[in-house]
Amino acid sequence: MRITVDIPDELARKVVSPDGDPARILLEDFAVESYRARKLTMEQVRELLGFSTRMQVDAFLQQHHVYDYTVNDLEKDLATLDRLLGPASQPPRV
């Protein structure tokens, strides 16, 4: 789907640097905000922005301060670490 948006020049200059690509910037902003709102998945962001790997999407989202790592994720990772290395290998949990 092709969408055309008219933005006044003075407003566009505030958002887009002179050497930036306005269409790409708006597309990336759309992807970031749609992902934050859980309207798009990471795979959909990858497809939308033309990235070839999930790692590229992860790096892109981190650049835009989108972190999708929950306390539950941390607890699972710590449990895996305990299982692999043993509980004595870690500092005490706070």
Protein backbone atom coordinates (compact mmCIF):
# COMPACT_ATOMS: atom_id res chain seq x y z
CA MET A 1 0.00 0.00 0.00
CA ARG A 2 1.30 3.41 -0.90
CA ILE A 3 0.37 6.28 1.43
CA THR A 4 1.10 9.91 0.63
CA VAL A 5 1.30 12.43 3.46
CA ASP A 6 1.56 16.20 3.07
CA ILE A 7 3.55 17.88 5.82
CA PRO A 8 4.27 21.61 5.89
CA ASP A 9 7.93 22.29 5.04
CA GLU A 10 8.66 24.09 8.32
CA LEU A 11 7.41 21.11 10.33
CA ALA A 12 9.21 18.58 8.16
CA ARG A 13 12.50 20.48 8.67
CA LYS A 14 12.08 20.05 12.44
CA VAL A 15 11.82 16.27 12.05
CA VAL A 16 14.08 15.48 9.10
CA SER A 17 17.72 16.53 8.79
CA PRO A 18 18.67 18.12 5.45
CA ASP A 19 20.48 14.95 4.35
CA GLY A 20 17.79 12.57 5.69
CA ASP A 21 15.21 10.64 3.73
CA PRO A 22 11.79 11.86 4.95
CA ALA A 23 9.94 8.76 3.74
CA ARG A 24 12.37 6.41 5.53
CA ILE A 25 12.26 8.45 8.74
CA LEU A 26 8.46 8.38 8.80
CA LEU A 27 8.45 4.65 8.01
CA GLU A 28 10.89 3.94 10.84
CA ASP A 29 8.90 6.10 13.27
CA PHE A 30 5.74 4.26 12.24
CA ALA A 31 7.47 0.91 12.82
CA VAL A 32 8.80 1.91 16.24
CA GLU A 33 5.51 3.27 17.52
CA SER A 34 3.51 0.37 16.08
CA TYR A 35 5.87 -2.09 17.78
CA ARG A 36 5.65 -0.20 21.09
CA ALA A 37 1.84 -0.33 20.86
CA ARG A 38 2.09 -4.07 20.07
CA LYS A 39 0.38 -3.56 16.73
CA LEU A 40 3.37 -5.05 14.89
CA THR A 41 5.54 -7.99 15.81
CA MET A 42 9.31 -8.01 15.53
CA GLU A 43 8.99 -10.11 12.38
CA GLN A 44 6.58 -7.58 10.86
CA VAL A 45 8.99 -4.74 11.70
CA ARG A 46 11.77 -6.74 10.04
CA GLU A 47 9.70 -7.17 6.89
CA LEU A 48 8.47 -3.56 6.85
CA LEU A 49 11.96 -2.09 7.14
CA GLY A 50 13.66 -4.63 4.89
CA PHE A 51 16.02 -6.09 7.48
CA SER A 52 17.30 -9.58 6.81
CA THR A 53 17.73 -10.72 10.42
CA ARG A 54 16.04 -10.43 13.77
CA MET A 55 19.33 -9.14 15.20
CA GLN A 56 19.11 -6.12 12.88
CA VAL A 57 15.59 -5.42 14.15
CA ASP A 58 16.73 -5.78 17.74
CA ALA A 59 19.61 -3.32 17.17
CA PHE A 60 17.24 -0.90 15.40
CA LEU A 61 14.75 -1.04 18.28
CA GLN A 62 17.51 -0.51 20.83
CA GLN A 63 18.70 2.56 18.90
CA HIS A 64 15.17 3.89 19.31
CA HIS A 65 15.12 3.04 23.03
CA VAL A 66 12.64 0.19 22.68
CA TYR A 67 13.52 -2.59 25.07
CA ASP A 68 11.28 -5.60 25.24
CA TYR A 69 12.95 -7.39 28.14
CA THR A 70 10.70 -8.06 31.11
CA VAL A 71 11.33 -9.15 34.68
CA ASN A 72 9.91 -12.52 33.66
CA ASP A 73 12.55 -12.73 30.89
CA LEU A 74 15.26 -11.96 33.45
CA GLU A 75 14.00 -14.63 35.82
CA LYS A 76 13.99 -17.20 33.01
CA ASP A 77 17.53 -16.21 32.01
CA LEU A 78 18.74 -16.46 35.61
CA ALA A 79 17.12 -19.89 35.96
CA THR A 80 18.87 -21.03 32.78
CA LEU A 81 22.17 -19.70 34.08
CA ASP A 82 21.62 -21.52 37.38
CA ARG A 83 20.90 -24.73 35.47
CA LEU A 84 23.97 -24.39 33.24
CA LEU A 85 26.54 -23.07 35.69
CA GLY A 86 25.07 -23.87 39.08
CA PRO A 87 23.69 -21.44 41.64
CA ALA A 88 27.09 -20.84 43.27
CA SER A 89 28.42 -19.17 40.10
CA GLN A 90 26.19 -16.12 40.49
CA PRO A 91 26.15 -13.29 42.97
CA PRO A 92 23.17 -13.34 45.36
CA ARG A 93 19.94 -11.94 43.94
CA VAL A 94 18.64 -8.77 45.48
